[in-house]
C-alpha atoms as a PDB file:
ATOM      1  CA  MET A   1      39.316   2.122 -88.928  1.00  0.00           C
ATOM      2  CA  ALA A   2      36.811  -0.370 -87.506  1.00  0.00           C
ATOM      3  CA  ALA A   3      38.473  -0.119 -84.078  1.00  0.00           C
ATOM      4  CA  VAL A   4      37.999   3.663 -84.053  1.00  0.00           C
ATOM      5  CA  GLU A   5      34.335   3.344 -84.983  1.00  0.00           C
ATOM      6  CA  PHE A   6      33.809   0.729 -82.279  1.00  0.00           C
ATOM      7  CA  ALA A   7      35.579   2.936 -79.726  1.00  0.00           C
ATOM      8  CA  LEU A   8      33.223   5.779 -80.600  1.00  0.00           C
ATOM      9  CA  ILE A   9      30.006   3.739 -80.451  1.00  0.00           C
ATOM     10  CA  ALA A  10      30.811   1.368 -77.526  1.00  0.00           C
ATOM     11  CA  PRO A  11      30.017   3.857 -74.707  1.00  0.00           C
ATOM     12  CA  LEU A  12      26.622   4.569 -76.273  1.00  0.00           C
ATOM     13  CA  LEU A  13      25.854   0.863 -76.576  1.00  0.00           C
ATOM     14  CA  ILE A  14      26.889   0.223 -72.960  1.00  0.00           C
ATOM     15  CA  ALA A  15      24.695   3.102 -71.772  1.00  0.00           C
ATOM     16  CA  LEU A  16      21.726   1.756 -73.733  1.00  0.00           C
ATOM     17  CA  LEU A  17      22.299  -1.721 -72.323  1.00  0.00           C
ATOM     18  CA  GLY A  18      22.395  -0.348 -68.769  1.00  0.00           C
ATOM     19  CA  ALA A  19      19.258   1.696 -69.308  1.00  0.00           C
ATOM     20  CA  SER A  20      17.452  -1.338 -70.743  1.00  0.00           C
ATOM     21  CA  VAL A  21      18.393  -3.575 -67.818  1.00  0.00           C
ATOM     22  CA  ASP A  22      17.390  -1.016 -65.203  1.00  0.00           C
ATOM     23  CA  LEU A  23      14.165  -0.135 -66.985  1.00  0.00           C
ATOM     24  CA  GLY A  24      13.243  -3.825 -67.112  1.00  0.00           C
ATOM     25  CA  ARG A  25      13.993  -4.250 -63.404  1.00  0.00           C
ATOM     26  CA  ALA A  26      11.886  -1.187 -62.575  1.00  0.00           C
ATOM     27  CA  ILE A  27       8.965  -2.520 -64.624  1.00  0.00           C
ATOM     28  CA  ILE A  28       9.166  -5.911 -62.884  1.00  0.00           C
ATOM     29  CA  THR A  29       9.148  -4.182 -59.475  1.00  0.00           C
ATOM     30  CA  ALA A  30       6.126  -2.093 -60.494  1.00  0.00           C
ATOM     31  CA  ILE A  31       4.255  -5.199 -61.694  1.00  0.00           C
ATOM     32  CA  ARG A  32       5.030  -7.037 -58.446  1.00  0.00           C
ATOM     33  CA  LEU A  33       3.752  -4.038 -56.458  1.00  0.00           C
ATOM     34  CA  GLU A  34       0.592  -3.871 -58.557  1.00  0.00           C
ATOM     35  CA  THR A  35      -0.008  -7.566 -57.900  1.00  0.00           C
ATOM     36  CA  ALA A  36       0.540  -7.050 -54.172  1.00  0.00           C
ATOM     37  CA  VAL A  37      -1.948  -4.170 -53.843  1.00  0.00           C
ATOM     38  CA  ARG A  38      -4.500  -6.131 -55.863  1.00  0.00           C
ATOM     39  CA  SER A  39      -4.038  -9.050 -53.455  1.00  0.00           C
ATOM     40  CA  GLY A  40      -4.741  -6.648 -50.596  1.00  0.00           C
ATOM     41  CA  ALA A  41      -7.821  -5.344 -52.416  1.00  0.00           C
ATOM     42  CA  GLU A  42      -9.138  -8.871 -52.984  1.00  0.00           C
ATOM     43  CA  PHE A  43      -8.614  -9.628 -49.297  1.00  0.00           C
ATOM     44  CA  ILE A  44     -10.569  -6.490 -48.334  1.00  0.00           C
ATOM     45  CA  ILE A  45     -13.425  -7.470 -50.657  1.00  0.00           C
ATOM     46  CA  GLN A  46     -13.591 -10.891 -48.993  1.00  0.00           C
ATOM     47  CA  ASN A  47     -13.100  -9.431 -45.465  1.00  0.00           C
ATOM     48  CA  PRO A  48     -14.468  -5.834 -45.466  1.00  0.00           C
ATOM     49  CA  GLY A  49     -13.878  -5.348 -41.747  1.00  0.00           C
ATOM     50  CA  ALA A  50     -10.288  -6.586 -41.731  1.00  0.00           C
ATOM     51  CA  ASP A  51      -7.952  -4.415 -39.715  1.00  0.00           C
ATOM     52  CA  PRO A  52      -5.174  -2.567 -41.578  1.00  0.00           C
ATOM     53  CA  ALA A  53      -2.372  -4.655 -40.033  1.00  0.00           C
ATOM     54  CA  THR A  54      -3.815  -7.874 -41.445  1.00  0.00           C
ATOM     55  CA  VAL A  55      -4.213  -6.403 -44.922  1.00  0.00           C
ATOM     56  CA  GLN A  56      -0.668  -5.003 -44.758  1.00  0.00           C
ATOM     57  CA  THR A  57       0.611  -8.497 -44.015  1.00  0.00           C
ATOM     58  CA  VAL A  58      -1.270  -9.856 -47.042  1.00  0.00           C
ATOM     59  CA  VAL A  59       0.273  -7.159 -49.263  1.00  0.00           C
ATOM     60  CA  ARG A  60       3.807  -7.706 -47.938  1.00  0.00           C
ATOM     61  CA  ASP A  61       3.473 -11.482 -48.314  1.00  0.00           C
ATOM     62  CA  ALA A  62       2.271 -11.083 -51.916  1.00  0.00           C
ATOM     63  CA  PHE A  63       5.253  -8.868 -52.819  1.00  0.00           C
ATOM     64  CA  GLY A  64       7.975 -10.625 -50.869  1.00  0.00           C
ATOM     65  CA  THR A  65      10.759  -8.917 -48.975  1.00  0.00           C
ATOM     66  CA  GLY A  66      11.405  -5.229 -49.391  1.00  0.00           C
ATOM     67  CA  ALA A  67       7.909  -3.765 -49.625  1.00  0.00           C
ATOM     68  CA  THR A  68       6.099  -1.463 -47.236  1.00  0.00           C
ATOM     69  CA  ALA A  69       2.313  -1.338 -47.178  1.00  0.00           C
ATOM     70  CA  THR A  70      -0.232   1.170 -45.932  1.00  0.00           C
ATOM     71  CA  VAL A  71      -3.942   0.404 -45.565  1.00  0.00           C
ATOM     72  CA  THR A  72      -6.619   2.837 -44.376  1.00  0.00           C
ATOM     73  CA  TRP A  73      -9.716   2.239 -42.312  1.00  0.00           C
ATOM     74  CA  PRO A  74     -12.899   2.773 -44.344  1.00  0.00           C
ATOM     75  CA  ARG A  75     -13.847   6.259 -45.512  1.00  0.00           C
ATOM     76  CA  CYS A  76     -17.630   6.309 -45.787  1.00  0.00           C
ATOM     77  CA  ALA A  77     -20.270   8.465 -47.434  1.00  0.00           C
ATOM     78  CA  CYS A  78     -24.058   8.404 -47.675  1.00  0.00           C
ATOM     79  CA  LEU A  79     -25.661   7.197 -50.879  1.00  0.00           C
ATOM     80  CA  ASN A  80     -28.499   9.050 -52.565  1.00  0.00           C
ATOM     81  CA  ALA A  81     -31.673   6.982 -52.164  1.00  0.00           C
ATOM     82  CA  THR A  82     -32.791   7.722 -55.744  1.00  0.00           C
ATOM     83  CA  THR A  83     -29.590   7.594 -57.825  1.00  0.00           C
ATOM     84  CA  GLY A  84     -27.437   5.338 -55.672  1.00  0.00           C
ATOM     85  CA  SER A  85     -24.456   7.646 -56.097  1.00  0.00           C
ATOM     86  CA  PRO A  86     -22.526   9.139 -53.168  1.00  0.00           C
ATOM     87  CA  GLU A  87     -24.086  12.364 -51.882  1.00  0.00           C
ATOM     88  CA  SER A  88     -20.859  13.779 -50.489  1.00  0.00           C
ATOM     89  CA  ALA A  89     -17.154  13.164 -50.370  1.00  0.00           C
ATOM     90  CA  PRO A  90     -16.173  10.322 -48.055  1.00  0.00           C
ATOM     91  CA  GLY A  91     -15.299  11.309 -44.504  1.00  0.00           C
ATOM     92  CA  ALA A  92     -11.946  10.777 -42.858  1.00  0.00           C
ATOM     93  CA  ALA A  93     -10.716   7.215 -42.353  1.00  0.00           C
ATOM     94  CA  ASP A  94     -12.286   5.936 -39.140  1.00  0.00           C
ATOM     95  CA  PRO A  95     -13.037   2.352 -38.019  1.00  0.00           C
ATOM     96  CA  ASN A  96     -16.398   3.448 -36.545  1.00  0.00           C
ATOM     97  CA  LEU A  97     -17.541   6.025 -39.120  1.00  0.00           C
ATOM     98  CA  CYS A  98     -19.513   3.637 -41.316  1.00  0.00           C
ATOM     99  CA  THR A  99     -21.599   2.414 -38.391  1.00  0.00           C
ATOM    100  CA  SER A 100     -22.230   5.921 -37.054  1.00  0.00           C
ATOM    101  CA  LEU A 101     -23.715   7.362 -40.275  1.00  0.00           C
ATOM    102  CA  ASN A 102     -27.510   7.433 -40.620  1.00  0.00           C
ATOM    103  CA  CYS A 103     -28.191   7.394 -44.346  1.00  0.00           C
ATOM    104  CA  PRO A 104     -31.591   6.552 -45.854  1.00  0.00           C
ATOM    105  CA  GLY A 105     -30.001   5.560 -49.183  1.00  0.00           C
ATOM    106  CA  GLY A 106     -27.315   3.370 -47.640  1.00  0.00           C
ATOM    107  CA  ILE A 107     -23.606   3.760 -47.035  1.00  0.00           C
ATOM    108  CA  VAL A 108     -20.639   3.293 -49.333  1.00  0.00           C
ATOM    109  CA  GLY A 109     -17.129   2.828 -48.017  1.00  0.00           C
ATOM    110  CA  TYR A 110     -13.698   3.126 -49.573  1.00  0.00           C
ATOM    111  CA  ARG A 111     -10.380   1.683 -48.406  1.00  0.00           C
ATOM    112  CA  ASP A 112      -6.980   2.586 -49.803  1.00  0.00           C
ATOM    113  CA  VAL A 113      -4.162   0.066 -50.196  1.00  0.00           C
ATOM    114  CA  THR A 114      -0.708   1.405 -50.990  1.00  0.00           C
ATOM    115  CA  ALA A 115       2.548  -0.500 -51.414  1.00  0.00           C
ATOM    116  CA  SER A 116       6.005   0.819 -52.158  1.00  0.00           C
ATOM    117  CA  ALA A 117       9.444  -0.643 -52.640  1.00  0.00           C
ATOM    118  CA  GLY A 118      12.857   0.874 -53.045  1.00  0.00           C
ATOM    119  CA  PHE A 119      14.594   0.625 -56.391  1.00  0.00           C
ATOM    120  CA  THR A 120      18.304   1.081 -56.910  1.00  0.00           C
ATOM    121  CA  ALA A 121      19.769   1.259 -60.382  1.00  0.00           C
ATOM    122  CA  PHE A 122      22.191  -1.559 -61.163  1.00  0.00           C
ATOM    123  CA  PHE A 123      24.327   0.508 -63.491  1.00  0.00           C
ATOM    124  CA  PRO A 124      25.651   3.931 -62.468  1.00  0.00           C
ATOM    125  CA  ALA A 125      22.976   6.408 -63.450  1.00  0.00           C
ATOM    126  CA  ARG A 126      25.442   8.959 -64.784  1.00  0.00           C
ATOM    127  CA  LEU A 127      26.107   6.608 -67.711  1.00  0.00           C
ATOM    128  CA  TYR A 128      22.643   7.048 -69.145  1.00  0.00           C
ATOM    129  CA  THR A 129      20.796   9.876 -67.429  1.00  0.00           C
ATOM    130  CA  ALA A 130      20.289  11.400 -70.855  1.00  0.00           C
ATOM    131  CA  PHE A 131      18.230   8.341 -71.851  1.00  0.00           C
ATOM    132  CA  VAL A 132      16.320   7.440 -68.672  1.00  0.00           C
ATOM    133  CA  ALA A 133      14.911   9.852 -66.117  1.00  0.00           C
ATOM    134  CA  ASN A 134      14.194   9.020 -62.474  1.00  0.00           C
ATOM    135  CA  VAL A 135      16.432   5.988 -62.067  1.00  0.00           C
ATOM    136  CA  GLY A 136      16.451   4.833 -58.475  1.00  0.00           C
ATOM    137  CA  GLY A 137      14.227   5.855 -55.616  1.00  0.00           C
ATOM    138  CA  THR A 138      10.882   4.412 -54.606  1.00  0.00           C
ATOM    139  CA  ILE A 139       8.199   2.843 -56.768  1.00  0.00           C
ATOM    140  CA  THR A 140       4.660   3.099 -55.379  1.00  0.00           C
ATOM    141  CA  ARG A 141       1.345   1.582 -56.412  1.00  0.00           C
ATOM    142  CA  ASN A 142      -2.096   2.369 -54.962  1.00  0.00           C
ATOM    143  CA  VAL A 143      -5.616   0.976 -55.289  1.00  0.00           C
ATOM    144  CA  THR A 144      -8.908   2.188 -53.792  1.00  0.00           C
ATOM    145  CA  VAL A 145     -11.510  -0.446 -52.983  1.00  0.00           C
ATOM    146  CA  ARG A 146     -15.214   0.343 -52.771  1.00  0.00           C
ATOM    147  CA  ILE A 147     -16.839  -1.765 -50.077  1.00  0.00           C
END
């Protein structure tokens, strides 16, 4: 009798184990990506004029192998002289935009740092697709830095 019960419950336990392992691996990858984009953001804060290729190298080095990084040139907007808040939406990413704006209240710039890494499920997804959605694919993290 115990063997029959075990035979009935074993596939469910194996599926839950597989889902747990893959979920943990996906969370670790997401945390590593978050750390990498934050490293890129810190580098931009310390070096506001850094070119995108340099920041991408910082992000990739922080993550390790397997990550791709995208960094934009600054998107700038004029600040309101009274409130200090942006008067309009930032313009398109352009390395010369911030210097070409003539704003009495000052200029604010934004740079985007994005990193992504592929994730492949360790266990066959068909074992536990009922328990975990979106196993496999690409995990992406993004941060916007105000400079």
